[in-house]
């Protein structure tokens, strides 16, 4: 019988490659832009390319970007409405504080 911990899962060369990768320092030449910025660049360069592929269907970079922008606009609109409601409440009753809070955001 062989102990489960002693069973080799990788070949010798695969194990060496894995060890080399683990010991290699983090790449220093990473892009100076964020992942969202890279996504926007890709979406603008080729909006009809598939960004998401699932058994239920596909979404292009353009579709995903439009959806993300719509969510961002909704979040900003909700935040503005909340700030306005709080400001009006404070102007009407300075003692009320944050009591006037609009309904939770729905999308």
PDB file of N, CA and C in Angstrom:
ATOM      1  N   UNK A   1       0.829  -1.190   0.000  1.00  0.00           N
ATOM      2  CA  UNK A   1       0.000   0.000   0.000  1.00  0.00           C
ATOM      3  C   UNK A   1       0.872   1.251   0.000  1.00  0.00           C
ATOM      4  N   UNK A   2       0.335   2.290  -0.649  1.00  0.00           N
ATOM      5  CA  UNK A   2       1.075   3.542  -0.746  1.00  0.00           C
ATOM      6  C   UNK A   2       0.278   4.638  -0.045  1.00  0.00           C
ATOM      7  N   UNK A   3       0.967   5.446   0.749  1.00  0.00           N
ATOM      8  CA  UNK A   3       0.341   6.564   1.447  1.00  0.00           C
ATOM      9  C   UNK A   3      -0.129   7.593   0.420  1.00  0.00           C
ATOM     10  N   UNK A   4      -1.322   8.118   0.584  1.00  0.00           N
ATOM     11  CA  UNK A   4      -1.892   9.089  -0.362  1.00  0.00           C
ATOM     12  C   UNK A   4      -0.961  10.282  -0.551  1.00  0.00           C
ATOM     13  N   UNK A   5      -0.324  10.753   0.501  1.00  0.00           N
ATOM     14  CA  UNK A   5       0.564  11.903   0.411  1.00  0.00           C
ATOM     15  C   UNK A   5       1.819  11.656  -0.390  1.00  0.00           C
ATOM     16  N   UNK A   6       2.151  10.401  -0.625  1.00  0.00           N
ATOM     17  CA  UNK A   6       3.376  10.087  -1.366  1.00  0.00           C
ATOM     18  C   UNK A   6       3.118   9.835  -2.852  1.00  0.00           C
ATOM     19  N   UNK A   7       1.872   9.883  -3.286  1.00  0.00           N
ATOM     20  CA  UNK A   7       1.537   9.658  -4.699  1.00  0.00           C
ATOM     21  C   UNK A   7       1.906  10.901  -5.505  1.00  0.00           C
ATOM     22  N   UNK A   8       2.690  10.730  -6.561  1.00  0.00           N
ATOM     23  CA  UNK A   8       3.109  11.845  -7.414  1.00  0.00           C
ATOM     24  C   UNK A   8       1.970  12.196  -8.368  1.00  0.00           C
ATOM     25  N   UNK A   9       1.578  13.463  -8.318  1.00  0.00           N
ATOM     26  CA  UNK A   9       0.520  13.927  -9.206  1.00  0.00           C
ATOM     27  C   UNK A   9       1.076  14.536 -10.481  1.00  0.00           C
ATOM     28  N   UNK A  10       2.309  15.017 -10.433  1.00  0.00           N
ATOM     29  CA  UNK A  10       2.950  15.651 -11.578  1.00  0.00           C
ATOM     30  C   UNK A  10       4.185  14.864 -11.979  1.00  0.00           C
ATOM     31  N   UNK A  11       4.522  14.969 -13.250  1.00  0.00           N
ATOM     32  CA  UNK A  11       5.765  14.381 -13.712  1.00  0.00           C
ATOM     33  C   UNK A  11       6.931  15.230 -13.218  1.00  0.00           C
ATOM     34  N   UNK A  12       8.134  14.735 -13.353  1.00  0.00           N
ATOM     35  CA  UNK A  12       9.328  15.430 -12.870  1.00  0.00           C
ATOM     36  C   UNK A  12       9.455  16.803 -13.528  1.00  0.00           C
ATOM     37  N   UNK A  13       9.314  16.866 -14.860  1.00  0.00           N
ATOM     38  CA  UNK A  13       9.456  18.145 -15.571  1.00  0.00           C
ATOM     39  C   UNK A  13       8.342  19.117 -15.185  1.00  0.00           C
ATOM     40  N   UNK A  14       7.114  18.633 -15.048  1.00  0.00           N
ATOM     41  CA  UNK A  14       6.003  19.502 -14.637  1.00  0.00           C
ATOM     42  C   UNK A  14       6.257  20.076 -13.244  1.00  0.00           C
ATOM     43  N   UNK A  15       6.773  19.251 -12.363  1.00  0.00           N
ATOM     44  CA  UNK A  15       7.080  19.702 -11.012  1.00  0.00           C
ATOM     45  C   UNK A  15       8.162  20.779 -11.026  1.00  0.00           C
ATOM     46  N   UNK A  16       9.193  20.597 -11.866  1.00  0.00           N
ATOM     47  CA  UNK A  16      10.252  21.618 -11.993  1.00  0.00           C
ATOM     48  C   UNK A  16       9.691  22.938 -12.505  1.00  0.00           C
ATOM     49  N   UNK A  17       8.825  22.859 -13.528  1.00  0.00           N
ATOM     50  CA  UNK A  17       8.222  24.082 -14.066  1.00  0.00           C
ATOM     51  C   UNK A  17       7.400  24.800 -13.002  1.00  0.00           C
ATOM     52  N   UNK A  18       6.639  24.048 -12.240  1.00  0.00           N
ATOM     53  CA  UNK A  18       5.820  24.628 -11.180  1.00  0.00           C
ATOM     54  C   UNK A  18       6.689  25.295 -10.119  1.00  0.00           C
ATOM     55  N   UNK A  19       7.790  24.642  -9.744  1.00  0.00           N
ATOM     56  CA  UNK A  19       8.700  25.217  -8.763  1.00  0.00           C
ATOM     57  C   UNK A  19       9.348  26.491  -9.296  1.00  0.00           C
ATOM     58  N   UNK A  20       9.745  26.489 -10.583  1.00  0.00           N
ATOM     59  CA  UNK A  20      10.335  27.697 -11.176  1.00  0.00           C
ATOM     60  C   UNK A  20       9.334  28.847 -11.171  1.00  0.00           C
ATOM     61  N   UNK A  21       8.096  28.565 -11.515  1.00  0.00           N
ATOM     62  CA  UNK A  21       7.065  29.614 -11.526  1.00  0.00           C
ATOM     63  C   UNK A  21       6.820  30.145 -10.118  1.00  0.00           C
ATOM     64  N   UNK A  22       6.819  29.254  -9.149  1.00  0.00           N
ATOM     65  CA  UNK A  22       6.571  29.673  -7.766  1.00  0.00           C
ATOM     66  C   UNK A  22       7.697  30.546  -7.237  1.00  0.00           C
ATOM     67  N   UNK A  23       8.918  30.322  -7.710  1.00  0.00           N
ATOM     68  CA  UNK A  23      10.074  31.072  -7.222  1.00  0.00           C
ATOM     69  C   UNK A  23      10.373  32.322  -8.055  1.00  0.00           C
ATOM     70  N   UNK A  24       9.703  32.472  -9.191  1.00  0.00           N
ATOM     71  CA  UNK A  24       9.932  33.633 -10.051  1.00  0.00           C
ATOM     72  C   UNK A  24       9.272  34.850  -9.415  1.00  0.00           C
ATOM     73  N   UNK A  25       9.994  35.966  -9.303  1.00  0.00           N
ATOM     74  CA  UNK A  25       9.383  37.161  -8.715  1.00  0.00           C
ATOM     75  C   UNK A  25       8.220  37.666  -9.566  1.00  0.00           C
ATOM     76  N   UNK A  26       7.349  38.407  -8.923  1.00  0.00           N
ATOM     77  CA  UNK A  26       6.185  38.994  -9.589  1.00  0.00           C
ATOM     78  C   UNK A  26       6.655  39.871 -10.740  1.00  0.00           C
ATOM     79  N   UNK A  27       6.006  39.784 -11.897  1.00  0.00           N
ATOM     80  CA  UNK A  27       6.451  40.596 -13.034  1.00  0.00           C
ATOM     81  C   UNK A  27       6.394  42.091 -12.729  1.00  0.00           C
ATOM     82  N   UNK A  28       7.432  42.794 -13.101  1.00  0.00           N
ATOM     83  CA  UNK A  28       7.513  44.229 -12.834  1.00  0.00           C
ATOM     84  C   UNK A  28       6.925  45.060 -13.977  1.00  0.00           C
ATOM     85  N   UNK A  29       6.716  44.442 -15.114  1.00  0.00           N
ATOM     86  CA  UNK A  29       6.239  45.199 -16.269  1.00  0.00           C
ATOM     87  C   UNK A  29       4.722  45.087 -16.439  1.00  0.00           C
ATOM     88  N   UNK A  30       3.993  45.223 -15.339  1.00  0.00           N
ATOM     89  CA  UNK A  30       2.537  45.196 -15.404  1.00  0.00           C
ATOM     90  C   UNK A  30       2.037  46.492 -16.040  1.00  0.00           C
ATOM     91  N   UNK A  31       0.879  46.440 -16.683  1.00  0.00           N
ATOM     92  CA  UNK A  31       0.349  47.668 -17.281  1.00  0.00           C
ATOM     93  C   UNK A  31       0.067  48.718 -16.210  1.00  0.00           C
ATOM     94  N   UNK A  32       0.163  49.971 -16.605  1.00  0.00           N
ATOM     95  CA  UNK A  32      -0.052  51.072 -15.667  1.00  0.00           C
ATOM     96  C   UNK A  32      -1.530  51.432 -15.555  1.00  0.00           C
ATOM     97  N   UNK A  33      -2.401  50.650 -16.193  1.00  0.00           N
ATOM     98  CA  UNK A  33      -3.839  50.924 -16.145  1.00  0.00           C
ATOM     99  C   UNK A  33      -4.538  49.823 -15.350  1.00  0.00           C
ATOM    100  N   UNK A  34      -5.715  50.149 -14.857  1.00  0.00           N
ATOM    101  CA  UNK A  34      -6.473  49.192 -14.052  1.00  0.00           C
ATOM    102  C   UNK A  34      -7.221  48.194 -14.933  1.00  0.00           C
ATOM    103  N   UNK A  35      -7.715  47.146 -14.322  1.00  0.00           N
ATOM    104  CA  UNK A  35      -8.480  46.139 -15.049  1.00  0.00           C
ATOM    105  C   UNK A  35      -9.733  46.756 -15.688  1.00  0.00           C
ATOM    106  N   UNK A  36     -10.500  47.588 -14.973  1.00  0.00           N
ATOM    107  CA  UNK A  36     -11.648  48.230 -15.632  1.00  0.00           C
ATOM    108  C   UNK A  36     -11.237  49.067 -16.850  1.00  0.00           C
ATOM    109  N   UNK A  37     -10.111  49.763 -16.753  1.00  0.00           N
ATOM    110  CA  UNK A  37      -9.640  50.560 -17.894  1.00  0.00           C
ATOM    111  C   UNK A  37      -9.273  49.661 -19.068  1.00  0.00           C
ATOM    112  N   UNK A  38      -8.622  48.529 -18.784  1.00  0.00           N
ATOM    113  CA  UNK A  38      -8.287  47.580 -19.843  1.00  0.00           C
ATOM    114  C   UNK A  38      -9.557  47.022 -20.496  1.00  0.00           C
ATOM    115  N   UNK A  39     -10.577  46.764 -19.674  1.00  0.00           N
ATOM    116  CA  UNK A  39     -11.837  46.247 -20.200  1.00  0.00           C
ATOM    117  C   UNK A  39     -12.481  47.270 -21.129  1.00  0.00           C
ATOM    118  N   UNK A  40     -12.514  48.531 -20.709  1.00  0.00           N
ATOM    119  CA  UNK A  40     -13.107  49.588 -21.537  1.00  0.00           C
ATOM    120  C   UNK A  40     -12.343  49.709 -22.857  1.00  0.00           C
ATOM    121  N   UNK A  41     -11.025  49.669 -22.790  1.00  0.00           N
ATOM    122  CA  UNK A  41     -10.217  49.727 -24.015  1.00  0.00           C
ATOM    123  C   UNK A  41     -10.587  48.592 -24.959  1.00  0.00           C
ATOM    124  N   UNK A  42     -10.704  47.388 -24.410  1.00  0.00           N
ATOM    125  CA  UNK A  42     -11.050  46.221 -25.233  1.00  0.00           C
ATOM    126  C   UNK A  42     -12.451  46.370 -25.816  1.00  0.00           C
ATOM    127  N   UNK A  43     -13.385  46.842 -24.996  1.00  0.00           N
ATOM    128  CA  UNK A  43     -14.766  47.009 -25.453  1.00  0.00           C
ATOM    129  C   UNK A  43     -14.852  48.050 -26.564  1.00  0.00           C
ATOM    130  N   UNK A  44     -14.077  49.115 -26.444  1.00  0.00           N
ATOM    131  CA  UNK A  44     -14.095  50.148 -27.474  1.00  0.00           C
ATOM    132  C   UNK A  44     -13.396  49.685 -28.746  1.00  0.00           C
ATOM    133  N   UNK A  45     -12.355  48.886 -28.604  1.00  0.00           N
ATOM    134  CA  UNK A  45     -11.608  48.402 -29.765  1.00  0.00           C
ATOM    135  C   UNK A  45     -12.401  47.360 -30.556  1.00  0.00           C
ATOM    136  N   UNK A  46     -13.123  46.503 -29.862  1.00  0.00           N
ATOM    137  CA  UNK A  46     -13.852  45.437 -30.534  1.00  0.00           C
ATOM    138  C   UNK A  46     -15.127  45.109 -29.756  1.00  0.00           C
ATOM    139  N   UNK A  47     -16.136  45.980 -29.828  1.00  0.00           N
ATOM    140  CA  UNK A  47     -17.340  45.794 -29.015  1.00  0.00           C
ATOM    141  C   UNK A  47     -18.138  44.541 -29.335  1.00  0.00           C
ATOM    142  N   UNK A  48     -17.961  43.982 -30.522  1.00  0.00           N
ATOM    143  CA  UNK A  48     -18.751  42.797 -30.875  1.00  0.00           C
ATOM    144  C   UNK A  48     -18.076  41.474 -30.490  1.00  0.00           C
ATOM    145  N   UNK A  49     -16.867  41.542 -29.932  1.00  0.00           N
ATOM    146  CA  UNK A  49     -16.190  40.322 -29.488  1.00  0.00           C
ATOM    147  C   UNK A  49     -16.880  39.772 -28.245  1.00  0.00           C
ATOM    148  N   UNK A  50     -16.897  38.449 -28.117  1.00  0.00           N
ATOM    149  CA  UNK A  50     -17.530  37.831 -26.955  1.00  0.00           C
ATOM    150  C   UNK A  50     -16.707  38.092 -25.701  1.00  0.00           C
ATOM    151  N   UNK A  51     -17.362  38.605 -24.673  1.00  0.00           N
ATOM    152  CA  UNK A  51     -16.723  38.830 -23.377  1.00  0.00           C
ATOM    153  C   UNK A  51     -17.118  37.734 -22.398  1.00  0.00           C
ATOM    154  N   UNK A  52     -18.358  37.245 -22.504  1.00  0.00           N
ATOM    155  CA  UNK A  52     -18.887  36.226 -21.599  1.00  0.00           C
ATOM    156  C   UNK A  52     -19.558  35.154 -22.446  1.00  0.00           C
ATOM    157  N   UNK A  53     -19.185  33.920 -22.197  1.00  0.00           N
ATOM    158  CA  UNK A  53     -19.805  32.795 -22.894  1.00  0.00           C
ATOM    159  C   UNK A  53     -20.220  31.780 -21.841  1.00  0.00           C
ATOM    160  N   UNK A  54     -21.521  31.505 -21.770  1.00  0.00           N
ATOM    161  CA  UNK A  54     -22.046  30.532 -20.814  1.00  0.00           C
ATOM    162  C   UNK A  54     -22.995  29.602 -21.552  1.00  0.00           C
ATOM    163  N   UNK A  55     -23.418  28.513 -20.926  1.00  0.00           N
ATOM    164  CA  UNK A  55     -24.409  27.642 -21.575  1.00  0.00           C
ATOM    165  C   UNK A  55     -25.722  28.379 -21.868  1.00  0.00           C
ATOM    166  N   UNK A  56     -26.000  29.436 -21.093  1.00  0.00           N
ATOM    167  CA  UNK A  56     -27.250  30.176 -21.284  1.00  0.00           C
ATOM    168  C   UNK A  56     -27.171  31.183 -22.416  1.00  0.00           C
ATOM    169  N   UNK A  57     -25.968  31.530 -22.857  1.00  0.00           N
ATOM    170  CA  UNK A  57     -25.839  32.495 -23.937  1.00  0.00           C
ATOM    171  C   UNK A  57     -24.515  33.228 -23.894  1.00  0.00           C
ATOM    172  N   UNK A  58     -24.432  34.263 -24.711  1.00  0.00           N
ATOM    173  CA  UNK A  58     -23.195  35.039 -24.789  1.00  0.00           C
ATOM    174  C   UNK A  58     -23.500  36.515 -24.610  1.00  0.00           C
ATOM    175  N   UNK A  59     -22.486  37.265 -24.207  1.00  0.00           N
ATOM    176  CA  UNK A  59     -22.566  38.718 -24.122  1.00  0.00           C
ATOM    177  C   UNK A  59     -21.292  39.278 -24.726  1.00  0.00           C
ATOM    178  N   UNK A  60     -21.441  40.321 -25.515  1.00  0.00           N
ATOM    179  CA  UNK A  60     -20.270  40.941 -26.131  1.00  0.00           C
ATOM    180  C   UNK A  60     -19.667  41.960 -25.170  1.00  0.00           C
ATOM    181  N   UNK A  61     -18.443  42.394 -25.483  1.00  0.00           N
ATOM    182  CA  UNK A  61     -17.810  43.436 -24.680  1.00  0.00           C
ATOM    183  C   UNK A  61     -18.671  44.694 -24.671  1.00  0.00           C
ATOM    184  N   UNK A  62     -19.242  45.041 -25.812  1.00  0.00           N
ATOM    185  CA  UNK A  62     -20.095  46.225 -25.890  1.00  0.00           C
ATOM    186  C   UNK A  62     -21.319  46.109 -24.992  1.00  0.00           C
ATOM    187  N   UNK A  63     -21.954  44.944 -24.996  1.00  0.00           N
ATOM    188  CA  UNK A  63     -23.133  44.730 -24.152  1.00  0.00           C
ATOM    189  C   UNK A  63     -22.777  44.812 -22.672  1.00  0.00           C
ATOM    190  N   UNK A  64     -21.682  44.173 -22.290  1.00  0.00           N
ATOM    191  CA  UNK A  64     -21.264  44.194 -20.883  1.00  0.00           C
ATOM    192  C   UNK A  64     -20.922  45.623 -20.457  1.00  0.00           C
ATOM    193  N   UNK A  65     -20.231  46.356 -21.326  1.00  0.00           N
ATOM    194  CA  UNK A  65     -19.870  47.735 -21.002  1.00  0.00           C
ATOM    195  C   UNK A  65     -21.113  48.599 -20.851  1.00  0.00           C
ATOM    196  N   UNK A  66     -22.085  48.452 -21.758  1.00  0.00           N
ATOM    197  CA  UNK A  66     -23.328  49.233 -21.646  1.00  0.00           C
ATOM    198  C   UNK A  66     -24.065  48.893 -20.356  1.00  0.00           C
ATOM    199  N   UNK A  67     -24.106  47.624 -19.996  1.00  0.00           N
ATOM    200  CA  UNK A  67     -24.768  47.215 -18.742  1.00  0.00           C
ATOM    201  C   UNK A  67     -24.050  47.804 -17.531  1.00  0.00           C
ATOM    202  N   UNK A  68     -22.728  47.751 -17.538  1.00  0.00           N
ATOM    203  CA  UNK A  68     -21.953  48.292 -16.416  1.00  0.00           C
ATOM    204  C   UNK A  68     -22.163  49.800 -16.300  1.00  0.00           C
ATOM    205  N   UNK A  69     -22.202  50.483 -17.439  1.00  0.00           N
ATOM    206  CA  UNK A  69     -22.428  51.931 -17.405  1.00  0.00           C
ATOM    207  C   UNK A  69     -23.823  52.254 -16.890  1.00  0.00           C
ATOM    208  N   UNK A  70     -24.824  51.450 -17.258  1.00  0.00           N
ATOM    209  CA  UNK A  70     -26.189  51.662 -16.767  1.00  0.00           C
ATOM    210  C   UNK A  70     -26.259  51.469 -15.256  1.00  0.00           C
ATOM    211  N   UNK A  71     -25.581  50.443 -14.750  1.00  0.00           N
ATOM    212  CA  UNK A  71     -25.544  50.211 -13.295  1.00  0.00           C
ATOM    213  C   UNK A  71     -24.857  51.385 -12.600  1.00  0.00           C
ATOM    214  N   UNK A  72     -23.752  51.857 -13.158  1.00  0.00           N
ATOM    215  CA  UNK A  72     -23.027  52.988 -12.565  1.00  0.00           C
ATOM    216  C   UNK A  72     -23.916  54.231 -12.528  1.00  0.00           C
ATOM    217  N   UNK A  73     -24.645  54.485 -13.623  1.00  0.00           N
ATOM    218  CA  UNK A  73     -25.545  55.647 -13.642  1.00  0.00           C
ATOM    219  C   UNK A  73     -26.639  55.512 -12.590  1.00  0.00           C
ATOM    220  N   UNK A  74     -27.190  54.307 -12.442  1.00  0.00           N
ATOM    221  CA  UNK A  74     -28.247  54.080 -11.448  1.00  0.00           C
ATOM    222  C   UNK A  74     -27.722  54.296 -10.032  1.00  0.00           C
ATOM    223  N   UNK A  75     -26.514  53.824  -9.765  1.00  0.00           N
ATOM    224  CA  UNK A  75     -25.915  54.008  -8.436  1.00  0.00           C
ATOM    225  C   UNK A  75     -25.701  55.495  -8.157  1.00  0.00           C
ATOM    226  N   UNK A  76     -25.177  56.226  -9.144  1.00  0.00           N
ATOM    227  CA  UNK A  76     -24.962  57.665  -8.969  1.00  0.00           C
ATOM    228  C   UNK A  76     -26.277  58.407  -8.769  1.00  0.00           C
ATOM    229  N   UNK A  77     -27.301  58.058  -9.540  1.00  0.00           N
ATOM    230  CA  UNK A  77     -28.606  58.714  -9.402  1.00  0.00           C
ATOM    231  C   UNK A  77     -29.187  58.449  -8.012  1.00  0.00           C
ATOM    232  N   UNK A  78     -29.053  57.239  -7.538  1.00  0.00           N
ATOM    233  CA  UNK A  78     -29.565  56.902  -6.206  1.00  0.00           C
ATOM    234  C   UNK A  78     -28.806  57.687  -5.130  1.00  0.00           C
ATOM    235  N   UNK A  79     -27.490  57.773  -5.272  1.00  0.00           N
ATOM    236  CA  UNK A  79     -26.685  58.513  -4.298  1.00  0.00           C
ATOM    237  C   UNK A  79     -27.064  59.990  -4.296  1.00  0.00           C
ATOM    238  N   UNK A  80     -27.271  60.559  -5.488  1.00  0.00           N
ATOM    239  CA  UNK A  80     -27.677  61.979  -5.568  1.00  0.00           C
ATOM    240  C   UNK A  80     -29.037  62.199  -4.922  1.00  0.00           C
ATOM    241  N   UNK A  81     -29.986  61.288  -5.208  1.00  0.00           N
ATOM    242  CA  UNK A  81     -31.329  61.419  -4.626  1.00  0.00           C
ATOM    243  C   UNK A  81     -31.257  61.328  -3.107  1.00  0.00           C
ATOM    244  N   UNK A  82     -30.434  60.457  -2.614  1.00  0.00           N
ATOM    245  CA  UNK A  82     -30.276  60.294  -1.166  1.00  0.00           C
ATOM    246  C   UNK A  82     -29.684  61.556  -0.545  1.00  0.00           C
ATOM    247  N   UNK A  83     -28.646  62.103  -1.183  1.00  0.00           N
ATOM    248  CA  UNK A  83     -28.030  63.340  -0.682  1.00  0.00           C
ATOM    249  C   UNK A  83     -29.020  64.491  -0.692  1.00  0.00           C
ATOM    250  N   UNK A  84     -29.796  64.600  -1.769  1.00  0.00           N
ATOM    251  CA  UNK A  84     -30.788  65.680  -1.859  1.00  0.00           C
ATOM    252  C   UNK A  84     -31.848  65.539  -0.778  1.00  0.00           C
ATOM    253  N   UNK A  85     -32.328  64.312  -0.545  1.00  0.00           N
ATOM    254  CA  UNK A  85     -33.343  64.082   0.488  1.00  0.00           C
ATOM    255  C   UNK A  85     -32.800  64.435   1.868  1.00  0.00           C
ATOM    256  N   UNK A  86     -31.554  64.066   2.134  1.00  0.00           N
ATOM    257  CA  UNK A  86     -30.954  64.386   3.429  1.00  0.00           C
ATOM    258  C   UNK A  86     -30.755  65.886   3.587  1.00  0.00           C
ATOM    259  N   UNK A  87     -30.341  66.562   2.514  1.00  0.00           N
ATOM    260  CA  UNK A  87     -30.146  68.006   2.557  1.00  0.00           C
ATOM    261  C   UNK A  87     -31.463  68.717   2.801  1.00  0.00           C
ATOM    262  N   UNK A  88     -32.510  68.316   2.098  1.00  0.00           N
ATOM    263  CA  UNK A  88     -33.828  68.930   2.299  1.00  0.00           C
ATOM    264  C   UNK A  88     -34.328  68.689   3.710  1.00  0.00           C
ATOM    265  N   UNK A  89     -34.110  67.507   4.220  1.00  0.00           N
ATOM    266  CA  UNK A  89     -34.538  67.182   5.577  1.00  0.00           C
ATOM    267  C   UNK A  89     -33.821  68.059   6.593  1.00  0.00           C
ATOM    268  N   UNK A  90     -32.522  68.239   6.406  1.00  0.00           N
ATOM    269  CA  UNK A  90     -31.761  69.092   7.328  1.00  0.00           C
ATOM    270  C   UNK A  90     -32.191  70.551   7.241  1.00  0.00           C
ATOM    271  N   UNK A  91     -32.539  70.995   6.033  1.00  0.00           N
ATOM    272  CA  UNK A  91     -32.972  72.383   5.878  1.00  0.00           C
ATOM    273  C   UNK A  91     -34.313  72.608   6.554  1.00  0.00           C
ATOM    274  N   UNK A  92     -35.213  71.606   6.488  1.00  0.00           N
ATOM    275  CA  UNK A  92     -36.523  71.724   7.098  1.00  0.00           C
ATOM    276  C   UNK A  92     -36.454  71.547   8.609  1.00  0.00           C
ATOM    277  N   UNK A  93     -35.630  70.619   9.046  1.00  0.00           N
ATOM    278  CA  UNK A  93     -35.510  70.337  10.472  1.00  0.00           C
ATOM    279  C   UNK A  93     -34.065  69.970  10.774  1.00  0.00           C
ATOM    280  N   UNK A  94     -33.246  70.938  11.171  1.00  0.00           N
ATOM    281  CA  UNK A  94     -31.826  70.663  11.430  1.00  0.00           C
ATOM    282  C   UNK A  94     -31.596  69.569  12.467  1.00  0.00           C
ATOM    283  N   UNK A  95     -32.570  69.281  13.313  1.00  0.00           N
ATOM    284  CA  UNK A  95     -32.432  68.239  14.335  1.00  0.00           C
ATOM    285  C   UNK A  95     -32.693  66.843  13.773  1.00  0.00           C
ATOM    286  N   UNK A  96     -33.277  66.741  12.566  1.00  0.00           N
ATOM    287  CA  UNK A  96     -33.681  65.446  12.005  1.00  0.00           C
ATOM    288  C   UNK A  96     -32.490  64.598  11.597  1.00  0.00           C
ATOM    289  N   UNK A  97     -31.398  65.210  11.193  1.00  0.00           N
ATOM    290  CA  UNK A  97     -30.219  64.445  10.779  1.00  0.00           C
ATOM    291  C   UNK A  97     -30.484  63.657   9.518  1.00  0.00           C
ATOM    292  N   UNK A  98     -30.238  62.351   9.566  1.00  0.00           N
ATOM    293  CA  UNK A  98     -30.394  61.489   8.393  1.00  0.00           C
ATOM    294  C   UNK A  98     -31.714  60.722   8.404  1.00  0.00           C
ATOM    295  N   UNK A  99     -32.723  61.226   9.078  1.00  0.00           N
ATOM    296  CA  UNK A  99     -33.977  60.497   9.203  1.00  0.00           C
ATOM    297  C   UNK A  99     -34.679  60.317   7.862  1.00  0.00           C
ATOM    298  N   UNK A 100     -34.597  61.315   6.992  1.00  0.00           N
ATOM    299  CA  UNK A 100     -35.265  61.215   5.687  1.00  0.00           C
ATOM    300  C   UNK A 100     -34.359  60.487   4.715  1.00  0.00           C
ATOM    301  N   UNK A 101     -34.604  59.207   4.566  1.00  0.00           N
ATOM    302  CA  UNK A 101     -33.802  58.374   3.680  1.00  0.00           C
ATOM    303  C   UNK A 101     -34.725  57.790   2.616  1.00  0.00           C
ATOM    304  N   UNK A 102     -34.412  57.962   1.321  1.00  0.00           N
ATOM    305  CA  UNK A 102     -35.274  57.389   0.301  1.00  0.00           C
ATOM    306  C   UNK A 102     -35.249  55.869   0.345  1.00  0.00           C
ATOM    307  N   UNK A 103     -36.168  55.281  -0.366  1.00  0.00           N
ATOM    308  CA  UNK A 103     -36.262  53.818  -0.404  1.00  0.00           C
ATOM    309  C   UNK A 103     -34.972  53.209  -0.945  1.00  0.00           C
ATOM    310  N   UNK A 104     -34.700  51.953  -0.615  1.00  0.00           N
ATOM    311  CA  UNK A 104     -33.493  51.307  -1.136  1.00  0.00           C
ATOM    312  C   UNK A 104     -33.485  51.318  -2.664  1.00  0.00           C
ATOM    313  N   UNK A 105     -32.299  51.312  -3.219  1.00  0.00           N
ATOM    314  CA  UNK A 105     -32.139  51.351  -4.671  1.00  0.00           C
ATOM    315  C   UNK A 105     -32.611  50.038  -5.286  1.00  0.00           C
ATOM    316  N   UNK A 106     -33.369  50.141  -6.359  1.00  0.00           N
ATOM    317  CA  UNK A 106     -33.839  48.964  -7.097  1.00  0.00           C
ATOM    318  C   UNK A 106     -33.376  49.104  -8.540  1.00  0.00           C
ATOM    319  N   UNK A 107     -32.965  47.972  -9.109  1.00  0.00           N
ATOM    320  CA  UNK A 107     -32.507  48.006 -10.509  1.00  0.00           C
ATOM    321  C   UNK A 107     -33.250  46.972 -11.306  1.00  0.00           C
TER     322      UNK A 107
END
